[in-house]
Amino acid sequence: MTTYFDFKITNAHAEGINSRIQAIKVKARGFRNQENFKTAILFHLGGLDLYPTTHRVVG
């Protein structure tokens, strides 16, 4: 707590990400292996555009 007063930084962003990862784990009720868990985290938190533009007219 005194770190905030000294440096004006917090770990709130990291805690938010950890909370979202724990929610993914709970919702899935377990994973078969670590690779599936990692894939789920990247899918949900990776910031991917799920509806990308498929055709663009270039000038």
N, C-alpha and C. Protein backbone atom coordinates (compact mmCIF):
# COMPACT_ATOMS: atom_id res chain seq x y z
N MET A 1 0.82 -1.19 0.00
CA MET A 1 0.00 0.00 0.00
C MET A 1 0.86 1.25 0.00
N THR A 2 1.98 1.21 0.66
CA THR A 2 2.83 2.39 0.67
C THR A 2 3.54 2.57 -0.67
N THR A 3 3.62 1.52 -1.46
CA THR A 3 4.23 1.63 -2.79
C THR A 3 3.46 2.63 -3.65
N TYR A 4 2.15 2.63 -3.52
CA TYR A 4 1.36 3.58 -4.31
C TYR A 4 1.75 5.01 -3.98
N PHE A 5 1.91 5.30 -2.72
CA PHE A 5 2.25 6.66 -2.32
C PHE A 5 3.66 7.05 -2.74
N ASP A 6 4.55 6.07 -2.82
CA ASP A 6 5.92 6.35 -3.23
C ASP A 6 6.05 6.50 -4.75
N PHE A 7 5.39 5.60 -5.52
CA PHE A 7 5.59 5.54 -6.96
C PHE A 7 4.36 5.86 -7.80
N LYS A 8 3.20 5.97 -7.20
CA LYS A 8 1.93 6.25 -7.89
C LYS A 8 1.58 5.20 -8.93
N ILE A 9 1.88 3.92 -8.60
CA ILE A 9 1.51 2.82 -9.49
C ILE A 9 0.81 1.74 -8.67
N THR A 10 -0.02 0.96 -9.34
CA THR A 10 -0.70 -0.16 -8.69
C THR A 10 -0.60 -1.38 -9.59
N ASN A 11 -1.01 -2.52 -9.08
CA ASN A 11 -1.06 -3.73 -9.88
C ASN A 11 -2.50 -4.07 -10.25
N ALA A 12 -3.36 -3.08 -10.31
CA ALA A 12 -4.78 -3.30 -10.60
C ALA A 12 -4.99 -3.94 -11.96
N HIS A 13 -4.23 -3.54 -12.95
CA HIS A 13 -4.39 -4.12 -14.29
C HIS A 13 -4.06 -5.61 -14.28
N ALA A 14 -2.97 -5.98 -13.64
CA ALA A 14 -2.58 -7.39 -13.55
C ALA A 14 -3.62 -8.20 -12.77
N GLU A 15 -4.15 -7.64 -11.70
CA GLU A 15 -5.18 -8.32 -10.92
C GLU A 15 -6.45 -8.50 -11.73
N GLY A 16 -6.78 -7.53 -12.57
CA GLY A 16 -7.95 -7.66 -13.44
C GLY A 16 -7.79 -8.79 -14.44
N ILE A 17 -6.60 -8.91 -15.02
CA ILE A 17 -6.33 -9.99 -15.96
C ILE A 17 -6.39 -11.34 -15.24
N ASN A 18 -5.78 -11.41 -14.05
CA ASN A 18 -5.83 -12.65 -13.28
C ASN A 18 -7.26 -13.06 -12.95
N SER A 19 -8.10 -12.09 -12.63
CA SER A 19 -9.50 -12.37 -12.33
C SER A 19 -10.22 -12.94 -13.55
N ARG A 20 -9.94 -12.38 -14.72
CA ARG A 20 -10.57 -12.89 -15.94
C ARG A 20 -10.08 -14.30 -16.27
N ILE A 21 -8.81 -14.59 -16.04
CA ILE A 21 -8.28 -15.93 -16.27
C ILE A 21 -8.93 -16.93 -15.32
N GLN A 22 -9.11 -16.55 -14.06
CA GLN A 22 -9.77 -17.44 -13.11
C GLN A 22 -11.22 -17.70 -13.52
N ALA A 23 -11.90 -16.69 -14.06
CA ALA A 23 -13.27 -16.87 -14.53
C ALA A 23 -13.32 -17.86 -15.70
N ILE A 24 -12.34 -17.80 -16.58
CA ILE A 24 -12.26 -18.74 -17.70
C ILE A 24 -12.08 -20.16 -17.16
N LYS A 25 -11.21 -20.32 -16.17
CA LYS A 25 -10.96 -21.63 -15.58
C LYS A 25 -12.22 -22.20 -14.91
N VAL A 26 -12.94 -21.36 -14.18
CA VAL A 26 -14.15 -21.80 -13.50
C VAL A 26 -15.24 -22.16 -14.51
N LYS A 27 -15.40 -21.33 -15.52
CA LYS A 27 -16.44 -21.57 -16.52
C LYS A 27 -16.20 -22.88 -17.26
N ALA A 28 -14.94 -23.22 -17.51
CA ALA A 28 -14.62 -24.43 -18.26
C ALA A 28 -14.68 -25.68 -17.38
N ARG A 29 -14.66 -25.51 -16.07
CA ARG A 29 -14.64 -26.63 -15.12
C ARG A 29 -13.47 -27.57 -15.38
N GLY A 30 -12.33 -27.00 -15.65
CA GLY A 30 -11.12 -27.79 -15.85
C GLY A 30 -10.79 -27.95 -17.33
N PHE A 31 -9.55 -28.20 -17.61
CA PHE A 31 -9.07 -28.42 -18.97
C PHE A 31 -8.33 -29.74 -19.03
N ARG A 32 -8.33 -30.36 -20.20
CA ARG A 32 -7.64 -31.63 -20.36
C ARG A 32 -6.14 -31.49 -20.24
N ASN A 33 -5.62 -30.37 -20.73
CA ASN A 33 -4.18 -30.14 -20.64
C ASN A 33 -3.88 -28.64 -20.64
N GLN A 34 -2.64 -28.31 -20.39
CA GLN A 34 -2.22 -26.91 -20.30
C GLN A 34 -2.38 -26.17 -21.63
N GLU A 35 -2.19 -26.89 -22.73
CA GLU A 35 -2.30 -26.24 -24.05
C GLU A 35 -3.72 -25.75 -24.31
N ASN A 36 -4.72 -26.53 -23.92
CA ASN A 36 -6.10 -26.10 -24.09
C ASN A 36 -6.42 -24.89 -23.21
N PHE A 37 -5.87 -24.88 -22.00
CA PHE A 37 -6.06 -23.74 -21.11
C PHE A 37 -5.43 -22.49 -21.69
N LYS A 38 -4.21 -22.61 -22.20
CA LYS A 38 -3.51 -21.48 -22.81
C LYS A 38 -4.28 -20.96 -24.03
N THR A 39 -4.82 -21.87 -24.84
CA THR A 39 -5.59 -21.48 -26.01
C THR A 39 -6.84 -20.71 -25.60
N ALA A 40 -7.52 -21.16 -24.55
CA ALA A 40 -8.72 -20.48 -24.09
C ALA A 40 -8.39 -19.07 -23.59
N ILE A 41 -7.28 -18.92 -22.88
CA ILE A 41 -6.88 -17.60 -22.40
C ILE A 41 -6.59 -16.68 -23.57
N LEU A 42 -5.84 -17.16 -24.54
CA LEU A 42 -5.52 -16.32 -25.70
C LEU A 42 -6.77 -15.98 -26.50
N PHE A 43 -7.70 -16.92 -26.59
CA PHE A 43 -8.93 -16.66 -27.33
C PHE A 43 -9.75 -15.57 -26.65
N HIS A 44 -9.91 -15.66 -25.34
CA HIS A 44 -10.77 -14.73 -24.63
C HIS A 44 -10.09 -13.40 -24.32
N LEU A 45 -8.80 -13.39 -24.12
CA LEU A 45 -8.10 -12.17 -23.70
C LEU A 45 -7.14 -11.63 -24.75
N GLY A 46 -7.07 -12.27 -25.90
CA GLY A 46 -6.09 -11.89 -26.90
C GLY A 46 -6.41 -10.65 -27.70
N GLY A 47 -7.64 -10.16 -27.59
CA GLY A 47 -8.01 -8.95 -28.32
C GLY A 47 -8.15 -9.17 -29.82
N LEU A 48 -8.50 -10.38 -30.22
CA LEU A 48 -8.66 -10.66 -31.63
C LEU A 48 -9.97 -10.08 -32.16
N ASP A 49 -9.98 -9.71 -33.41
CA ASP A 49 -11.19 -9.26 -34.07
C ASP A 49 -11.91 -10.50 -34.60
N LEU A 50 -13.01 -10.86 -33.98
CA LEU A 50 -13.72 -12.08 -34.37
C LEU A 50 -14.51 -11.92 -35.65
N TYR A 51 -14.70 -10.69 -36.09
CA TYR A 51 -15.42 -10.43 -37.33
C TYR A 51 -14.55 -9.57 -38.25
N PRO A 52 -13.46 -10.14 -38.73
CA PRO A 52 -12.56 -9.33 -39.57
C PRO A 52 -13.19 -9.02 -40.92
N THR A 53 -12.74 -7.94 -41.52
CA THR A 53 -13.17 -7.60 -42.87
C THR A 53 -12.50 -8.57 -43.83
N THR A 54 -13.31 -9.23 -44.66
CA THR A 54 -12.76 -10.26 -45.54
C THR A 54 -12.40 -9.71 -46.91
N HIS A 55 -13.11 -8.68 -47.35
CA HIS A 55 -12.85 -8.13 -48.69
C HIS A 55 -12.71 -6.63 -48.60
N ARG A 56 -11.64 -6.14 -49.13
CA ARG A 56 -11.43 -4.71 -49.19
C ARG A 56 -11.15 -4.32 -50.63
N VAL A 57 -11.72 -3.24 -51.02
CA VAL A 57 -11.47 -2.71 -52.35
C VAL A 57 -10.31 -1.73 -52.24
N VAL A 58 -9.20 -2.07 -52.87
CA VAL A 58 -8.03 -1.22 -52.85
C VAL A 58 -8.02 -0.38 -54.10
N GLY A 59 -7.89 0.91 -53.91
CA GLY A 59 -8.03 1.90 -54.86
C GLY A 59 -7.52 2.06 -56.14
